[in-house]
Amino acid sequence: MSVFSSSYLLFFFLVFLFVYVRLSTSEINPIVSFDQNYHNTWGFQHFYPTNNGTEVQLSIDQYSGSGFMSKHAYGSGLFAMKIKIPKKDSLGIITALYLTSLQNNEPFGNHYEVDFEFLGGHGMPYTLQTNVFAKDSGGREERINLWFDPTADFHTYKLLWNRHHIVFYVDKIPIRVFENNTRIGVNYPSQAMSIVGSLWSDTTWASHGQPINWTEAPFVAYFQGFNINGCLENININTDHSECNSIKSTHYWWNGPRYMLESPTHKEALQYDDENQIIILRRHEQHSAQDDDKNIK
């Protein structure tokens, strides 16, 4: 074989290797088992790993729900998971995926948190609520009606968190952006956070005071995709996150230029058009420092 042919093959092998590694780090890896990165934290009798640990099921009845948490905390990342929420008459049954600076059994208070919360329902459309806690009590809830049935199949939900913004994705579609406006006094998540999945119930804000139909229990939620694309940090140590916010490191590709440009400007909208159904999200995070202070308990 000629030197030219060998170089040619080597070039294409390196290109293939680069593409393979890039895709494997940016997409959900179905081979990673739950136990590699997560552990069950409560509701142990309502937690069921299946398919060799590549899927877990959480169930809830009138006695208990269940939840899990990542074994480590992270200072930035693109966190994704595939979820199928409970069927049946599930109003008041909340399926959650979120980042939190609180550890298991730690008292609730001023902390950092980024939430996906599915509020259940009597059928289509199903409501997805997002929220951001930034060293305060939150108060930044936004809700959208999903344009598909989240009980029928798995869909991918992602949280991009870097020093520029937090972006909430549903099946690669950005549905909300929370920008880092600390320069004008707005709080922004800046402490290491863990990843949490849970299934629980609420009969106040989630169900609008309506009772839960427990005759339909148990309700079951399904989770897949347990690899984690995040910058590992120690949640017990306060740092400036300089490494996790690096835009030069190839290890932390979610900080790079590609993920700096996905936020709209202050007056633009995120728009999605699918089979004549248009979702327009025009709300933008423009809380003043005074507004943030009102949320602090």
Protein backbone atom coordinates (compact mmCIF):
# COMPACT_ATOMS: atom_id res chain seq x y z
CA MET A 1 0.00 0.00 0.00
CA SER A 2 1.36 3.44 -0.91
CA VAL A 3 2.19 6.12 1.59
CA PHE A 4 -0.56 8.26 0.01
CA SER A 5 -3.17 5.53 0.50
CA SER A 6 -2.12 4.97 4.09
CA SER A 7 -2.34 8.68 4.84
CA TYR A 8 -5.73 8.83 3.11
CA LEU A 9 -7.11 5.99 5.23
CA LEU A 10 -5.64 7.47 8.39
CA PHE A 11 -7.27 10.81 7.63
CA PHE A 12 -10.73 9.28 7.23
CA PHE A 13 -10.27 7.13 10.32
CA LEU A 14 -9.47 10.23 12.38
CA VAL A 15 -12.47 12.07 10.92
CA PHE A 16 -14.72 9.10 11.75
CA LEU A 17 -13.28 8.91 15.29
CA PHE A 18 -13.84 12.64 15.86
CA VAL A 19 -17.47 12.49 14.68
CA TYR A 20 -18.15 9.38 16.74
CA VAL A 21 -16.69 10.86 19.92
CA ARG A 22 -18.48 14.18 19.38
CA LEU A 23 -21.86 12.56 18.89
CA SER A 24 -21.39 10.15 21.76
CA THR A 25 -20.66 13.01 24.14
CA SER A 26 -23.49 15.26 22.99
CA GLU A 27 -26.34 12.78 22.76
CA ILE A 28 -27.98 10.45 25.26
CA ASN A 29 -26.11 7.18 25.54
CA PRO A 30 -28.65 4.37 26.11
CA ILE A 31 -25.96 1.91 27.22
CA VAL A 32 -25.06 3.73 30.45
CA SER A 33 -26.76 2.06 33.40
CA PHE A 34 -28.53 3.94 36.18
CA ASP A 35 -26.12 2.74 38.89
CA GLN A 36 -23.11 4.29 37.17
CA ASN A 37 -24.20 7.87 37.85
CA TYR A 38 -27.33 7.81 40.06
CA HIS A 39 -28.80 6.28 43.19
CA ASN A 40 -32.32 5.87 44.56
CA THR A 41 -32.83 8.35 47.44
CA TRP A 42 -36.40 7.74 48.67
CA GLY A 43 -39.47 5.62 48.00
CA PHE A 44 -37.37 2.47 47.74
CA GLN A 45 -40.42 0.20 47.35
CA HIS A 46 -41.58 2.34 44.41
CA PHE A 47 -38.33 2.20 42.43
CA TYR A 48 -37.90 -0.40 39.66
CA PRO A 49 -34.79 -0.69 37.44
CA THR A 50 -35.40 -2.56 34.16
CA ASN A 51 -33.58 -3.47 30.93
CA ASN A 52 -30.28 -4.16 32.70
CA GLY A 53 -30.43 -0.83 34.48
CA THR A 54 -30.81 1.31 31.35
CA GLU A 55 -34.35 2.28 32.39
CA VAL A 56 -35.96 2.98 35.74
CA GLN A 57 -39.61 3.19 36.68
CA LEU A 58 -40.90 5.30 39.54
CA SER A 59 -44.38 4.66 40.92
CA ILE A 60 -46.64 6.57 43.27
CA ASP A 61 -49.74 5.72 45.27
CA GLN A 62 -51.47 7.47 48.15
CA TYR A 63 -48.67 6.36 50.50
CA SER A 64 -45.45 7.22 48.71
CA GLY A 65 -43.73 8.30 45.53
CA SER A 66 -40.05 7.88 44.69
CA GLY A 67 -36.96 9.71 43.53
CA PHE A 68 -33.30 9.49 42.57
CA MET A 69 -30.26 11.77 42.51
CA SER A 70 -26.91 11.87 40.76
CA LYS A 71 -23.96 10.63 42.79
CA HIS A 72 -22.03 13.82 42.07
CA ALA A 73 -22.66 17.55 41.61
CA TYR A 74 -21.80 19.63 38.56
CA GLY A 75 -20.83 23.24 37.86
CA SER A 76 -22.10 23.43 34.27
CA GLY A 77 -23.29 21.08 31.56
CA LEU A 78 -25.91 19.91 29.10
CA PHE A 79 -28.07 17.52 31.09
CA ALA A 80 -30.54 15.31 29.22
CA MET A 81 -32.91 12.47 29.96
CA LYS A 82 -35.69 10.62 28.17
CA ILE A 83 -38.98 10.55 30.07
CA LYS A 84 -42.45 9.08 29.65
CA ILE A 85 -44.92 10.42 32.21
CA PRO A 86 -47.83 8.48 33.78
CA LYS A 87 -50.95 7.72 31.81
CA LYS A 88 -54.44 7.57 33.33
CA ASP A 89 -56.23 10.41 35.10
CA SER A 90 -53.07 11.90 36.60
CA LEU A 91 -53.96 15.46 37.59
CA GLY A 92 -51.78 16.42 40.57
CA ILE A 93 -49.17 13.73 39.88
CA ILE A 94 -45.87 15.52 39.23
CA THR A 95 -43.03 13.99 37.25
CA ALA A 96 -39.90 16.08 37.78
CA LEU A 97 -36.41 16.40 36.34
CA TYR A 98 -34.29 19.15 37.85
CA LEU A 99 -30.92 20.43 39.02
CA THR A 100 -30.55 21.40 42.66
CA SER A 101 -27.86 22.60 45.07
CA LEU A 102 -29.75 20.93 47.93
CA GLN A 103 -28.60 17.49 48.98
CA ASN A 104 -30.87 14.65 50.08
CA ASN A 105 -32.82 15.48 53.28
CA GLU A 106 -31.34 18.99 53.46
CA PRO A 107 -33.82 21.65 54.69
CA PHE A 108 -35.49 23.63 51.91
CA GLY A 109 -34.48 27.28 51.76
CA ASN A 110 -32.56 29.77 49.70
CA HIS A 111 -30.80 27.62 47.14
CA TYR A 112 -30.19 27.09 43.43
CA GLU A 113 -32.51 24.96 41.31
CA VAL A 114 -33.59 24.53 37.67
CA ASP A 115 -36.83 22.61 37.12
CA PHE A 116 -38.82 20.62 34.60
CA GLU A 117 -42.17 19.65 36.19
CA PHE A 118 -44.94 17.77 34.38
CA LEU A 119 -48.21 18.54 36.15
CA GLY A 120 -50.26 15.55 34.99
CA GLY A 121 -53.82 15.94 33.79
CA HIS A 122 -57.04 14.42 32.54
CA GLY A 123 -55.61 14.09 29.01
CA MET A 124 -54.28 16.29 26.21
CA PRO A 125 -52.90 18.88 26.38
CA TYR A 126 -50.42 18.18 29.18
CA THR A 127 -48.76 21.09 30.99
CA LEU A 128 -45.00 21.40 31.49
CA GLN A 129 -43.81 23.92 34.08
CA THR A 130 -40.28 25.33 34.27
CA ASN A 131 -38.80 27.30 37.14
CA VAL A 132 -35.49 28.76 38.30
CA PHE A 133 -34.36 29.24 41.89
CA ALA A 134 -31.36 31.55 42.17
CA LYS A 135 -30.36 31.81 45.84
CA ASP A 136 -34.01 32.54 46.61
CA SER A 137 -37.48 30.99 46.69
CA GLY A 138 -38.01 30.88 42.95
CA GLY A 139 -41.15 32.58 41.70
CA ARG A 140 -40.11 32.33 38.04
CA GLU A 141 -42.61 29.67 36.98
CA GLU A 142 -43.61 29.47 33.33
CA ARG A 143 -46.00 26.92 31.84
CA ILE A 144 -46.58 25.64 28.33
CA ASN A 145 -48.99 23.09 26.91
CA LEU A 146 -47.03 20.35 25.16
CA TRP A 147 -47.84 19.80 21.49
CA PHE A 148 -47.65 15.99 21.84
CA ASP A 149 -48.79 13.30 24.26
CA PRO A 150 -45.91 12.80 26.76
CA THR A 151 -47.59 9.64 28.13
CA ALA A 152 -47.49 7.79 24.80
CA ASP A 153 -43.74 7.58 24.24
CA PHE A 154 -40.35 8.78 25.47
CA HIS A 155 -39.29 12.34 24.70
CA THR A 156 -35.97 14.03 25.42
CA TYR A 157 -35.73 16.89 27.90
CA LYS A 158 -32.50 18.87 28.24
CA LEU A 159 -31.15 21.57 30.54
CA LEU A 160 -28.22 23.61 29.21
CA TRP A 161 -26.48 25.49 32.01
CA ASN A 162 -23.39 27.56 31.37
CA ARG A 163 -22.16 31.01 32.32
CA HIS A 164 -24.21 32.63 29.55
CA HIS A 165 -27.69 31.25 30.11
CA ILE A 166 -29.94 28.34 31.02
CA VAL A 167 -31.87 26.85 28.11
CA PHE A 168 -34.76 24.40 28.49
CA TYR A 169 -35.18 21.99 25.55
CA VAL A 170 -37.96 19.61 24.57
CA ASP A 171 -36.86 17.25 21.78
CA LYS A 172 -34.10 19.66 20.66
CA ILE A 173 -36.55 22.58 20.65
CA PRO A 174 -35.60 25.45 23.02
CA ILE A 175 -38.76 26.40 24.91
CA ARG A 176 -37.31 28.85 27.41
CA VAL A 177 -34.15 30.87 28.03
CA PHE A 178 -33.02 32.31 31.35
CA GLU A 179 -30.06 34.61 30.73
CA ASN A 180 -27.23 35.40 33.10
CA ASN A 181 -27.91 39.04 34.01
CA THR A 182 -25.79 39.22 37.16
CA ARG A 183 -24.19 42.35 35.73
CA ILE A 184 -27.43 44.20 36.49
CA GLY A 185 -28.01 42.53 39.85
CA VAL A 186 -30.18 39.55 38.89
CA ASN A 187 -29.41 36.32 40.73
CA TYR A 188 -28.18 33.43 38.60
CA PRO A 189 -27.41 29.79 39.56
CA SER A 190 -23.72 29.72 40.42
CA GLN A 191 -23.31 26.84 42.87
CA ALA A 192 -22.69 23.19 42.03
CA MET A 193 -25.91 21.25 41.51
CA SER A 194 -26.97 17.61 41.41
CA ILE A 195 -29.44 16.03 38.98
CA VAL A 196 -32.72 14.75 40.41
CA GLY A 197 -35.66 12.77 39.04
CA SER A 198 -38.81 12.24 41.10
CA LEU A 199 -42.49 11.35 41.11
CA TRP A 200 -44.65 13.04 43.74
CA SER A 201 -48.09 14.63 44.24
CA ASP A 202 -49.63 18.01 44.96
CA THR A 203 -53.25 19.09 45.43
CA THR A 204 -52.69 22.86 45.61
CA TRP A 205 -50.85 24.64 42.80
CA ALA A 206 -50.45 21.61 40.52
CA SER A 207 -54.07 20.40 40.56
CA HIS A 208 -55.72 23.75 41.30
CA GLY A 209 -57.23 22.32 44.46
CA GLN A 210 -58.78 19.30 42.78
CA PRO A 211 -58.32 15.94 44.53
CA ILE A 212 -56.10 13.27 43.04
CA ASN A 213 -57.92 10.25 41.65
CA TRP A 214 -56.08 7.61 43.70
CA THR A 215 -58.33 4.87 42.31
CA GLU A 216 -56.08 5.08 39.24
CA ALA A 217 -52.94 4.33 41.30
CA PRO A 218 -50.27 3.26 40.98
CA PHE A 219 -49.07 5.95 38.57
CA VAL A 220 -45.78 5.10 36.83
CA ALA A 221 -43.15 7.35 35.21
CA TYR A 222 -40.30 6.02 33.06
CA PHE A 223 -36.74 7.40 32.76
CA GLN A 224 -33.92 6.54 30.31
CA GLY A 225 -30.51 7.97 29.42
CA PHE A 226 -28.22 8.09 32.43
CA ASN A 227 -24.97 9.39 30.97
CA ILE A 228 -24.05 12.87 32.21
CA ASN A 229 -22.40 15.66 30.22
CA GLY A 230 -21.30 17.93 33.04
CA CYS A 231 -18.32 19.51 34.77
CA LEU A 232 -17.79 17.58 38.00
CA GLU A 233 -17.56 19.69 41.16
CA ASN A 234 -17.63 19.29 44.93
CA ILE A 235 -20.96 20.65 46.18
CA ASN A 236 -19.50 21.27 49.64
CA ILE A 237 -16.82 23.67 48.40
CA ASN A 238 -17.56 27.20 47.19
CA THR A 239 -15.61 27.91 44.02
CA ASP A 240 -15.69 30.49 41.26
CA HIS A 241 -16.48 27.76 38.68
CA SER A 242 -13.66 29.08 36.50
CA GLU A 243 -12.82 25.63 35.17
CA CYS A 244 -16.45 24.66 34.61
CA ASN A 245 -17.04 27.95 32.78
CA SER A 246 -14.02 27.60 30.51
CA ILE A 247 -14.78 28.23 26.84
CA LYS A 248 -11.39 26.92 25.76
CA SER A 249 -11.56 23.39 27.13
CA THR A 250 -12.83 20.77 24.66
CA HIS A 251 -14.03 18.75 27.65
CA TYR A 252 -16.69 21.36 28.36
CA TRP A 253 -18.03 21.85 24.83
CA TRP A 254 -21.38 23.20 26.14
CA ASN A 255 -19.54 26.43 27.05
CA GLY A 256 -18.33 26.96 23.49
CA PRO A 257 -19.51 29.33 20.75
CA ARG A 258 -22.22 26.97 19.51
CA TYR A 259 -23.99 27.18 22.85
CA MET A 260 -23.45 30.93 23.26
CA LEU A 261 -25.60 31.78 20.26
CA GLU A 262 -28.71 29.78 21.05
CA SER A 263 -30.21 32.48 23.26
CA PRO A 264 -32.51 34.99 21.53
CA THR A 265 -31.96 38.72 22.03
CA HIS A 266 -34.01 40.48 24.66
CA LYS A 267 -36.88 41.25 22.28
CA GLU A 268 -36.88 38.20 20.05
CA ALA A 269 -39.12 35.17 20.39
CA LEU A 270 -38.42 31.46 20.28
CA GLN A 271 -40.73 30.04 17.65
CA TYR A 272 -41.58 26.51 16.60
CA ASP A 273 -43.98 25.58 13.78
CA ASP A 274 -45.05 21.94 13.47
CA GLU A 275 -48.03 20.92 11.33
CA ASN A 276 -49.63 24.37 11.59
CA GLN A 277 -49.23 24.45 15.38
CA ILE A 278 -47.12 27.42 16.45
CA ILE A 279 -45.66 27.81 19.88
CA ILE A 280 -44.47 31.33 20.57
CA LEU A 281 -42.68 32.08 23.82
CA ARG A 282 -42.23 35.81 24.17
CA ARG A 283 -41.63 35.99 27.88
CA HIS A 284 -38.04 36.80 28.79
CA GLU A 285 -36.21 36.89 32.09
CA GLN A 286 -35.96 40.64 32.86
CA HIS A 287 -36.39 40.56 36.63
CA SER A 288 -34.78 43.56 38.25
CA ALA A 289 -32.66 43.16 41.34
CA GLN A 290 -35.60 44.60 43.27
CA ASP A 291 -37.92 41.90 41.93
CA ASP A 292 -35.42 39.22 42.96
CA ASP A 293 -35.21 40.65 46.49
CA LYS A 294 -38.97 40.28 46.86
CA ASN A 295 -38.61 36.53 46.30
CA ILE A 296 -36.09 36.04 49.08
CA LYS A 297 -37.65 34.64 52.22
